[in-house]
Amino acid sequence: MLSTYVFFTFLDTSSKYLVLAGVSALIVAWVRFAVHVVLVGTLLRGWRQPVRFRPVNLPAHILRGLFLFGSTMFNILALRSLQLAETTSIYFFGPMVITALAGPLLGEWAGWRRWLAILAAFAGVLIITRPGVGVFGIGHLFALGSMLSNCFYVIMTRRMSASETSESLILFSALAPAVLLLPLLPFSFSLPHDGWHWFVLLMLGVFGGVGHWLLVQAYRLATTTALAPYPYSQMVWMIISGWIVFKQFPDRWTLVGAAIIVASGLYIVHREHRLRLQSRAASDVEAEALAKKL
């Protein structure tokens, strides 16, 4: 998981580097998905067992892929004007939004403690964006759009994971936007200017593909609860990368807001773990009582 978010940091850093160099955001997003498709097919050796990639619900895969594209595209546009740490901080508000949306969409309702954590995280977002004091801009709007798109992507992943293979989920999340956006490429003329920029552009797919592959490996080796806190390690890598590559360091308000969001997210992880343990203990007691009756 630590390696996963290092690769995702490379992905965001390279995307920001390219758009600041004048490369079209559409080109950046499309190449990231196209190389991802090739790399995932190679790493998972799709030619040996193609049945593993067969979708059960193709329209759902396409919609899920569009949500991932929206998250990626909005994030790239946000990186034009925001620091890496700012976009990551707003992105980390996503788990709280997912917790809130899981009730009406998945039937997984949050209790009052988790709602307090969600409100605290929202306060952290307001500290970072500071609307009304001349700080909130189009970059923050794009970052919020990226976060919301990713929330719906995660919710769809949860719903589809019961019927779809992990290989199909990884492949079609990149294949759907890569195919659907192909007709738009002729209208995007801002290509890389030299060999170095082409190399960085092609590496986007490597960073994204390897990052997602490492993510799958992590979930094969450990539980979701055990891995839940690790995404927040990306904040550290983003601050370091922004400082080294772009000579940018987040101001104190961004750091305060990020700390509140991370603390709220970790509390929700802790609370859900406690509830899961209580539910498991209750099930064991009921099973023991039933066994005595039998």
Protein backbone atom coordinates (compact mmCIF):
# COMPACT_ATOMS: atom_id res chain seq x y z
CA MET A 1 0.00 0.00 0.00
CA LEU A 2 2.87 2.37 0.72
CA SER A 3 4.32 1.64 -2.73
CA THR A 4 0.88 2.09 -4.30
CA TYR A 5 0.57 5.67 -3.11
CA VAL A 6 4.14 6.49 -4.06
CA PHE A 7 3.21 5.52 -7.63
CA PHE A 8 -0.01 7.56 -7.43
CA THR A 9 2.08 10.53 -6.27
CA PHE A 10 4.33 10.07 -9.32
CA LEU A 11 1.16 10.03 -11.44
CA ASP A 12 -0.18 13.34 -10.09
CA THR A 13 3.23 15.01 -10.11
CA SER A 14 3.85 14.02 -13.73
CA SER A 15 0.35 15.16 -14.76
CA LYS A 16 0.87 18.58 -13.18
CA TYR A 17 4.32 18.83 -14.81
CA LEU A 18 2.85 18.12 -18.26
CA VAL A 19 -0.13 20.48 -18.10
CA LEU A 20 2.13 23.27 -16.85
CA ALA A 21 4.36 22.53 -19.86
CA GLY A 22 1.36 23.15 -22.15
CA VAL A 23 0.27 19.58 -22.91
CA SER A 24 -3.51 19.18 -23.33
CA ALA A 25 -5.28 17.78 -20.27
CA LEU A 26 -7.29 15.50 -22.59
CA ILE A 27 -4.10 14.04 -24.09
CA VAL A 28 -2.65 13.51 -20.61
CA ALA A 29 -5.79 11.68 -19.43
CA TRP A 30 -6.18 9.55 -22.56
CA VAL A 31 -2.56 8.36 -22.67
CA ARG A 32 -2.72 7.57 -18.96
CA PHE A 33 -5.68 5.22 -19.61
CA ALA A 34 -4.41 3.75 -22.89
CA VAL A 35 -1.02 2.73 -21.46
CA HIS A 36 -2.83 1.50 -18.33
CA VAL A 37 -4.89 -0.91 -20.50
CA VAL A 38 -1.81 -2.32 -22.24
CA LEU A 39 0.13 -2.65 -18.99
CA VAL A 40 -2.71 -4.32 -17.06
CA GLY A 41 -3.27 -6.82 -19.89
CA THR A 42 0.46 -7.61 -19.83
CA LEU A 43 0.87 -7.85 -16.05
CA LEU A 44 -2.23 -10.02 -15.63
CA ARG A 45 -1.46 -12.10 -18.76
CA GLY A 46 -4.92 -11.65 -20.19
CA TRP A 47 -4.19 -13.82 -23.24
CA ARG A 48 -3.99 -16.95 -21.04
CA GLN A 49 -7.42 -16.71 -19.42
CA PRO A 50 -9.48 -14.04 -21.21
CA VAL A 51 -12.58 -15.24 -19.37
CA ARG A 52 -11.28 -13.46 -16.26
CA PHE A 53 -11.80 -10.12 -18.05
CA ARG A 54 -15.32 -10.88 -19.31
CA PRO A 55 -17.83 -8.31 -17.98
CA VAL A 56 -21.17 -9.35 -16.52
CA ASN A 57 -22.72 -5.86 -16.75
CA LEU A 58 -21.00 -3.92 -19.54
CA PRO A 59 -23.06 -0.67 -19.20
CA ALA A 60 -22.14 -0.52 -15.51
CA HIS A 61 -18.45 -0.95 -16.42
CA ILE A 62 -18.72 1.91 -18.92
CA LEU A 63 -20.41 4.21 -16.40
CA ARG A 64 -17.84 3.32 -13.76
CA GLY A 65 -15.04 4.02 -16.24
CA LEU A 66 -16.55 7.44 -17.01
CA PHE A 67 -16.60 8.28 -13.31
CA LEU A 68 -12.90 7.39 -13.11
CA PHE A 69 -12.22 9.51 -16.18
CA GLY A 70 -14.12 12.41 -14.60
CA SER A 71 -12.05 12.06 -11.45
CA THR A 72 -8.81 11.97 -13.44
CA MET A 73 -9.72 14.81 -15.83
CA PHE A 74 -10.94 17.15 -13.10
CA ASN A 75 -7.84 16.38 -11.05
CA ILE A 76 -5.54 17.23 -13.96
CA LEU A 77 -7.40 20.51 -14.52
CA ALA A 78 -7.18 21.29 -10.78
CA LEU A 79 -3.43 20.70 -10.79
CA ARG A 80 -2.97 23.59 -13.21
CA SER A 81 -3.58 26.09 -10.42
CA LEU A 82 -3.43 24.18 -7.12
CA GLN A 83 -0.56 22.63 -5.24
CA LEU A 84 -0.33 18.86 -5.01
CA ALA A 85 -1.07 18.98 -1.27
CA GLU A 86 -4.23 21.04 -1.83
CA THR A 87 -5.77 18.64 -4.36
CA THR A 88 -4.84 15.66 -2.20
CA SER A 89 -6.39 17.22 0.91
CA ILE A 90 -9.70 17.81 -0.87
CA TYR A 91 -9.48 14.31 -2.37
CA PHE A 92 -9.20 12.86 1.15
CA PHE A 93 -12.65 14.29 1.94
CA GLY A 94 -13.93 11.55 -0.39
CA PRO A 95 -14.18 8.75 2.21
CA MET A 96 -16.42 10.96 4.31
CA VAL A 97 -18.66 11.70 1.31
CA ILE A 98 -18.76 7.97 0.50
CA THR A 99 -19.82 7.27 4.10
CA ALA A 100 -22.64 9.81 3.71
CA LEU A 101 -23.76 8.49 0.30
CA ALA A 102 -23.51 4.84 1.33
CA GLY A 103 -26.77 5.19 3.26
CA PRO A 104 -29.16 6.11 0.42
CA LEU A 105 -27.19 4.25 -2.29
CA LEU A 106 -26.01 1.09 -0.51
CA GLY A 107 -28.17 0.93 2.61
CA GLU A 108 -25.09 1.38 4.86
CA TRP A 109 -26.21 4.18 7.19
CA ALA A 110 -23.73 6.11 9.34
CA GLY A 111 -24.28 6.84 13.03
CA TRP A 112 -24.06 10.23 14.72
CA ARG A 113 -20.37 9.85 15.59
CA ARG A 114 -19.40 9.31 11.97
CA TRP A 115 -21.64 12.21 10.92
CA LEU A 116 -19.73 14.44 13.34
CA ALA A 117 -16.49 13.26 11.72
CA ILE A 118 -17.95 14.07 8.29
CA LEU A 119 -18.88 17.59 9.43
CA ALA A 120 -15.41 18.07 10.91
CA ALA A 121 -13.82 17.00 7.62
CA PHE A 122 -16.08 19.42 5.76
CA ALA A 123 -14.79 22.17 8.06
CA GLY A 124 -11.28 21.10 7.03
CA VAL A 125 -12.22 21.53 3.35
CA LEU A 126 -13.57 25.02 4.12
CA ILE A 127 -10.30 25.90 5.85
CA ILE A 128 -8.35 24.85 2.76
CA THR A 129 -10.60 26.55 0.19
CA ARG A 130 -11.61 29.53 2.38
CA PRO A 131 -14.56 30.67 0.26
CA GLY A 132 -15.45 34.33 0.71
CA VAL A 133 -11.89 35.48 1.38
CA GLY A 134 -10.67 35.42 -2.20
CA VAL A 135 -8.99 31.99 -2.03
CA PHE A 136 -11.65 29.72 -3.57
CA GLY A 137 -11.13 29.46 -7.32
CA ILE A 138 -11.79 27.30 -10.36
CA GLY A 139 -9.00 24.93 -9.27
CA HIS A 140 -10.81 24.16 -6.03
CA LEU A 141 -14.02 23.58 -8.00
CA PHE A 142 -12.23 21.10 -10.27
CA ALA A 143 -10.72 19.37 -7.21
CA LEU A 144 -14.19 19.00 -5.66
CA GLY A 145 -15.49 17.61 -8.97
CA SER A 146 -12.64 15.09 -9.02
CA MET A 147 -13.39 14.01 -5.47
CA LEU A 148 -17.13 13.59 -6.14
CA SER A 149 -16.50 11.61 -9.34
CA ASN A 150 -14.17 9.30 -7.44
CA CYS A 151 -16.81 8.80 -4.73
CA PHE A 152 -19.32 7.49 -7.27
CA TYR A 153 -16.55 5.38 -8.83
CA VAL A 154 -15.83 3.75 -5.44
CA ILE A 155 -19.52 3.18 -4.69
CA MET A 156 -20.00 1.50 -8.06
CA THR A 157 -16.92 -0.62 -7.40
CA ARG A 158 -18.45 -1.79 -4.12
CA ARG A 159 -21.72 -2.72 -5.82
CA MET A 160 -20.07 -4.46 -8.76
CA SER A 161 -17.39 -6.37 -6.83
CA ALA A 162 -19.92 -9.03 -5.84
CA SER A 163 -20.62 -10.04 -9.46
CA GLU A 164 -17.56 -8.88 -11.45
CA THR A 165 -14.00 -10.24 -11.40
CA SER A 166 -11.22 -8.03 -10.05
CA GLU A 167 -9.47 -8.31 -13.44
CA SER A 168 -12.50 -6.94 -15.31
CA LEU A 169 -12.85 -4.10 -12.81
CA ILE A 170 -9.22 -3.09 -13.30
CA LEU A 171 -9.30 -3.40 -17.09
CA PHE A 172 -12.61 -1.74 -17.95
CA SER A 173 -12.07 1.21 -15.62
CA ALA A 174 -9.34 2.30 -18.06
CA LEU A 175 -10.59 0.69 -21.29
CA ALA A 176 -13.99 2.42 -21.26
CA PRO A 177 -12.66 6.02 -21.16
CA ALA A 178 -9.78 5.19 -23.52
CA VAL A 179 -12.20 3.96 -26.21
CA LEU A 180 -14.93 6.55 -25.69
CA LEU A 181 -12.50 9.49 -25.78
CA LEU A 182 -10.62 8.32 -28.85
CA PRO A 183 -12.83 10.37 -31.28
CA LEU A 184 -12.03 13.57 -29.34
CA LEU A 185 -8.26 13.32 -29.70
CA PRO A 186 -8.07 14.99 -33.17
CA PHE A 187 -9.52 18.14 -31.57
CA SER A 188 -6.72 18.35 -29.02
CA PHE A 189 -3.58 19.84 -30.59
CA SER A 190 -1.41 20.51 -27.53
CA LEU A 191 1.01 17.58 -27.79
CA PRO A 192 4.35 17.17 -25.99
CA HIS A 193 7.12 19.30 -27.44
CA ASP A 194 10.12 16.97 -27.14
CA GLY A 195 11.23 13.46 -26.32
CA TRP A 196 11.44 14.07 -22.57
CA HIS A 197 7.81 15.20 -22.38
CA TRP A 198 6.73 12.19 -24.47
CA PHE A 199 8.60 9.92 -22.04
CA VAL A 200 6.87 11.50 -19.02
CA LEU A 201 3.51 11.22 -20.81
CA LEU A 202 3.97 7.50 -21.48
CA MET A 203 5.08 6.93 -17.90
CA LEU A 204 1.66 8.11 -16.68
CA GLY A 205 0.14 4.79 -17.69
CA VAL A 206 2.97 2.92 -15.99
CA PHE A 207 2.47 4.82 -12.74
CA GLY A 208 -1.30 4.33 -12.85
CA GLY A 209 -1.24 0.70 -14.02
CA VAL A 210 1.44 -0.46 -11.58
CA GLY A 211 -0.23 1.50 -8.77
CA HIS A 212 -3.57 -0.25 -9.33
CA TRP A 213 -1.85 -3.62 -9.68
CA LEU A 214 -0.05 -3.10 -6.35
CA LEU A 215 -3.38 -2.10 -4.82
CA VAL A 216 -4.92 -5.42 -5.87
CA GLN A 217 -1.94 -7.32 -4.46
CA ALA A 218 -2.30 -5.49 -1.15
CA TYR A 219 -5.97 -6.46 -0.82
CA ARG A 220 -5.06 -10.07 -1.54
CA LEU A 221 -2.63 -10.08 1.40
CA ALA A 222 -4.51 -8.05 4.01
CA THR A 223 -8.01 -7.03 5.03
CA THR A 224 -9.69 -3.78 3.99
CA THR A 225 -9.71 -2.60 7.61
CA ALA A 226 -5.99 -3.20 8.02
CA LEU A 227 -5.19 -1.25 4.86
CA ALA A 228 -7.68 1.61 5.33
CA PRO A 229 -5.28 4.13 7.00
CA TYR A 230 -2.51 3.79 4.40
CA PRO A 231 -3.96 6.07 1.66
CA TYR A 232 -3.31 9.02 3.97
CA SER A 233 0.42 8.40 3.59
CA GLN A 234 0.05 10.00 0.16
CA MET A 235 -0.18 13.42 1.83
CA VAL A 236 3.46 13.07 2.92
CA TRP A 237 4.63 12.08 -0.57
CA MET A 238 2.62 14.90 -2.17
CA ILE A 239 4.15 17.56 0.09
CA ILE A 240 7.66 16.25 -0.58
CA SER A 241 7.07 15.97 -4.34
CA GLY A 242 5.54 19.46 -4.57
CA TRP A 243 8.48 20.93 -2.72
CA ILE A 244 11.16 19.12 -4.77
CA VAL A 245 9.64 19.42 -8.26
CA PHE A 246 7.66 22.66 -8.12
CA LYS A 247 9.28 24.49 -5.17
CA GLN A 248 5.84 24.71 -3.55
CA PHE A 249 5.08 24.14 0.11
CA PRO A 250 1.53 24.28 1.48
CA ASP A 251 0.63 27.22 3.71
CA ARG A 252 -0.43 26.78 7.33
CA TRP A 253 -4.16 26.86 6.50
CA THR A 254 -3.79 24.00 4.02
CA LEU A 255 -1.82 21.98 6.58
CA VAL A 256 -4.42 22.64 9.30
CA GLY A 257 -7.30 21.71 6.99
CA ALA A 258 -5.48 18.59 5.79
CA ALA A 259 -4.79 17.51 9.38
CA ILE A 260 -8.50 17.86 10.27
CA ILE A 261 -9.57 15.86 7.19
CA VAL A 262 -7.02 13.10 7.83
CA ALA A 263 -7.97 12.89 11.53
CA SER A 264 -11.67 12.67 10.61
CA GLY A 265 -10.99 9.96 8.05
CA LEU A 266 -8.92 7.93 10.50
CA TYR A 267 -11.67 8.23 13.11
CA ILE A 268 -14.23 6.87 10.63
CA VAL A 269 -11.88 3.97 9.86
CA HIS A 270 -11.52 3.30 13.61
CA ARG A 271 -15.27 3.58 14.22
CA GLU A 272 -16.17 1.22 11.37
CA HIS A 273 -13.61 -1.27 12.69
CA ARG A 274 -15.18 -1.12 16.17
CA LEU A 275 -18.67 -1.62 14.74
CA ARG A 276 -17.47 -4.57 12.68
CA LEU A 277 -15.96 -6.21 15.77
CA GLN A 278 -19.18 -5.63 17.76
CA SER A 279 -21.27 -7.13 14.98
CA ARG A 280 -18.98 -10.16 14.78
CA ALA A 281 -19.13 -10.63 18.57
CA ALA A 282 -22.93 -10.40 18.53
CA SER A 283 -23.09 -13.01 15.77
CA ASP A 284 -20.84 -15.35 17.78
CA VAL A 285 -23.07 -14.96 20.87
CA GLU A 286 -26.21 -15.71 18.85
CA ALA A 287 -24.56 -18.74 17.27
CA GLU A 288 -23.48 -20.02 20.69
CA ALA A 289 -26.98 -19.53 22.12
CA LEU A 290 -28.51 -21.35 19.17
CA ALA A 291 -26.04 -24.22 19.56
CA LYS A 292 -27.05 -24.63 23.22
CA LYS A 293 -30.73 -24.81 22.26
CA LEU A 294 -30.00 -27.45 19.64
